[in-house]
């Protein structure tokens, strides 16, 4: 049994204070880049997480999907407002969406609808590479490192997680 509330506090502390080899906090600078729309991806190196808290790193590796959602919620809470004055079509659509909704409807919008970024975990350097044949059902939901050879590719068939429709009338 994990105490996810304590882990959220640890994740926020990691994102705002972790310096590693740099003089400045490493991840808060990346989050600011995302806020200013200069970057769309936040890469979380699990070697850094391990330096910060070995237990947190182990929990991320064993329950990656849950911790990915926790990292998204923490970034959403600490991301600053953009200081640059710009507006994309995505921002315009969201502004219209928020202005036409009343207070009770605003809480029904999923936060994924307003995100401009993605978060990716980079596995530790020392994590062993599993052959594809050794990946089992017990690894579902956890972070594994595999090596493979791409033999065929097809068009991307996106999986819709959130659909938003706007009536022009």
Protein backbone atom coordinates (compact mmCIF):
# COMPACT_ATOMS: atom_id res chain seq x y z
CA UNK A 1 0.00 0.00 0.00
CA UNK A 2 1.44 3.31 -1.12
CA UNK A 3 0.60 6.69 0.32
CA UNK A 4 0.12 8.63 -2.90
CA UNK A 5 -0.43 11.93 -1.08
CA UNK A 6 3.07 11.70 0.37
CA UNK A 7 4.39 10.77 -3.07
CA UNK A 8 2.72 13.86 -4.59
CA UNK A 9 4.58 16.01 -2.06
CA UNK A 10 7.85 14.23 -2.95
CA UNK A 11 7.20 14.65 -6.68
CA UNK A 12 6.54 18.38 -6.29
CA UNK A 13 9.70 18.73 -4.23
CA UNK A 14 11.66 16.80 -6.84
CA UNK A 15 10.33 18.87 -9.74
CA UNK A 16 10.93 22.20 -8.03
CA UNK A 17 14.20 21.58 -6.17
CA UNK A 18 16.26 18.83 -7.87
CA UNK A 19 19.53 20.25 -9.19
CA UNK A 20 21.70 17.25 -10.04
CA UNK A 21 24.95 18.57 -11.54
CA UNK A 22 23.48 21.96 -12.46
CA UNK A 23 23.48 25.14 -10.38
CA UNK A 24 19.78 25.82 -11.02
CA UNK A 25 16.89 23.42 -10.44
CA UNK A 26 16.81 21.20 -13.51
CA UNK A 27 13.13 20.38 -13.99
CA UNK A 28 11.61 23.73 -13.05
CA UNK A 29 13.55 25.26 -15.94
CA UNK A 30 12.08 22.63 -18.30
CA UNK A 31 8.59 23.30 -16.93
CA UNK A 32 9.08 27.01 -17.59
CA UNK A 33 10.10 26.17 -21.18
CA UNK A 34 6.81 24.28 -21.55
CA UNK A 35 4.83 27.19 -20.12
CA UNK A 36 6.42 29.55 -22.65
CA UNK A 37 5.58 27.07 -25.46
CA UNK A 38 9.26 26.57 -26.32
CA UNK A 39 9.02 22.86 -25.52
CA UNK A 40 6.29 20.24 -25.62
CA UNK A 41 7.94 17.41 -23.72
CA UNK A 42 9.20 16.96 -20.19
CA UNK A 43 11.67 14.08 -19.86
CA UNK A 44 12.01 12.75 -16.33
CA UNK A 45 15.25 10.83 -15.93
CA UNK A 46 14.76 8.03 -13.43
CA UNK A 47 18.46 8.20 -12.56
CA UNK A 48 17.71 11.68 -11.19
CA UNK A 49 14.66 10.39 -9.33
CA UNK A 50 16.81 7.60 -7.86
CA UNK A 51 19.36 10.17 -6.64
CA UNK A 52 16.50 12.07 -5.01
CA UNK A 53 14.59 9.08 -3.56
CA UNK A 54 15.31 5.44 -4.32
CA UNK A 55 11.90 4.32 -3.00
CA UNK A 56 10.06 6.76 -5.28
CA UNK A 57 12.07 5.53 -8.25
CA UNK A 58 11.21 1.90 -7.46
CA UNK A 59 7.53 2.74 -7.18
CA UNK A 60 7.63 4.59 -10.52
CA UNK A 61 9.24 1.59 -12.19
CA UNK A 62 6.68 -0.84 -10.77
CA UNK A 63 3.56 1.31 -11.32
CA UNK A 64 4.46 3.60 -14.20
CA UNK A 65 0.98 4.50 -15.42
CA UNK A 66 -0.20 5.69 -11.99
CA UNK A 67 2.93 7.73 -11.40
CA UNK A 68 2.72 9.26 -14.86
CA UNK A 69 -0.73 10.62 -13.89
CA UNK A 70 0.71 11.88 -10.58
CA UNK A 71 3.52 13.68 -12.40
CA UNK A 72 1.01 15.26 -14.80
CA UNK A 73 -1.11 16.54 -11.91
CA UNK A 74 1.96 17.94 -10.12
CA UNK A 75 3.20 19.70 -13.25
CA UNK A 76 -0.29 21.12 -13.82
CA UNK A 77 -0.19 22.57 -10.30
CA UNK A 78 3.27 24.15 -10.54
CA UNK A 79 3.42 25.27 -14.18
CA UNK A 80 3.52 29.07 -14.35
CA UNK A 81 1.31 31.20 -16.55
CA UNK A 82 3.01 32.05 -19.86
CA UNK A 83 4.64 35.49 -19.84
CA UNK A 84 4.77 35.74 -23.62
CA UNK A 85 1.73 37.26 -25.26
CA UNK A 86 0.69 34.82 -27.95
CA UNK A 87 -2.32 32.81 -28.84
CA UNK A 88 -2.59 29.66 -30.88
CA UNK A 89 -5.78 28.23 -32.33
CA UNK A 90 -5.65 25.69 -29.50
CA UNK A 91 -5.63 28.53 -26.94
CA UNK A 92 -8.48 30.32 -28.72
CA UNK A 93 -10.66 27.21 -28.72
CA UNK A 94 -10.01 26.63 -25.02
CA UNK A 95 -10.75 30.29 -24.20
CA UNK A 96 -14.12 30.07 -25.97
CA UNK A 97 -14.82 26.77 -24.25
CA UNK A 98 -14.10 28.21 -20.80
CA UNK A 99 -15.97 31.47 -21.39
CA UNK A 100 -19.15 29.70 -22.51
CA UNK A 101 -19.15 27.26 -19.58
CA UNK A 102 -20.59 28.05 -16.19
CA UNK A 103 -18.70 27.28 -12.97
CA UNK A 104 -20.12 23.78 -12.52
CA UNK A 105 -19.24 22.84 -16.11
CA UNK A 106 -15.65 24.09 -15.81
CA UNK A 107 -14.85 21.42 -13.23
CA UNK A 108 -16.07 18.73 -15.64
CA UNK A 109 -13.37 19.48 -18.22
CA UNK A 110 -10.55 16.95 -17.96
CA UNK A 111 -7.14 18.58 -17.43
CA UNK A 112 -5.77 16.69 -20.46
CA UNK A 113 -7.89 18.96 -22.64
CA UNK A 114 -5.78 22.01 -21.77
CA UNK A 115 -2.30 20.47 -21.71
CA UNK A 116 0.29 21.51 -24.25
CA UNK A 117 2.89 19.00 -23.12
CA UNK A 118 3.69 15.36 -22.58
CA UNK A 119 5.78 13.71 -19.89
CA UNK A 120 8.15 10.85 -20.58
CA UNK A 121 10.12 8.68 -18.18
CA UNK A 122 13.67 7.83 -19.24
CA UNK A 123 14.66 4.50 -17.66
CA UNK A 124 17.80 4.23 -15.53
CA UNK A 125 21.02 3.54 -17.40
CA UNK A 126 21.62 0.35 -15.41
CA UNK A 127 18.17 -1.13 -16.02
CA UNK A 128 18.66 -4.41 -17.91
CA UNK A 129 17.30 -4.78 -21.42
CA UNK A 130 14.70 -7.55 -21.60
CA UNK A 131 14.41 -9.67 -24.70
CA UNK A 132 10.90 -9.41 -26.17
CA UNK A 133 10.28 -13.07 -25.42
CA UNK A 134 10.82 -12.52 -21.71
CA UNK A 135 8.20 -9.78 -21.34
CA UNK A 136 5.37 -11.34 -19.33
CA UNK A 137 1.98 -10.27 -18.02
CA UNK A 138 3.59 -9.43 -14.68
CA UNK A 139 5.30 -6.47 -16.39
CA UNK A 140 1.97 -4.85 -17.37
CA UNK A 141 1.89 -1.33 -15.98
CA UNK A 142 5.58 -1.29 -15.10
CA UNK A 143 8.50 0.27 -16.90
CA UNK A 144 10.57 -2.19 -18.93
CA UNK A 145 13.41 -1.68 -21.34
CA UNK A 146 13.31 -3.83 -24.45
CA UNK A 147 15.31 -4.10 -27.62
CA UNK A 148 13.69 -5.03 -30.88
CA UNK A 149 13.90 -4.77 -34.61
CA UNK A 150 11.16 -3.02 -36.58
CA UNK A 151 10.20 -5.18 -39.54
CA UNK A 152 7.09 -3.41 -40.74
CA UNK A 153 5.32 -0.11 -40.15
CA UNK A 154 1.79 1.06 -40.87
CA UNK A 155 -0.03 4.34 -40.60
CA UNK A 156 -0.65 5.63 -37.12
CA UNK A 157 -4.12 4.78 -35.84
CA UNK A 158 -4.63 7.18 -32.97
CA UNK A 159 -6.53 6.18 -29.88
CA UNK A 160 -8.91 8.95 -28.90
CA UNK A 161 -8.77 9.62 -25.19
CA UNK A 162 -10.58 12.94 -25.19
CA UNK A 163 -12.94 14.23 -27.85
CA UNK A 164 -14.21 17.78 -27.82
CA UNK A 165 -16.82 19.15 -30.15
CA UNK A 166 -17.82 22.77 -30.63
CA UNK A 167 -21.09 23.88 -32.14
CA UNK A 168 -20.62 26.95 -34.32
CA UNK A 169 -24.24 28.02 -33.79
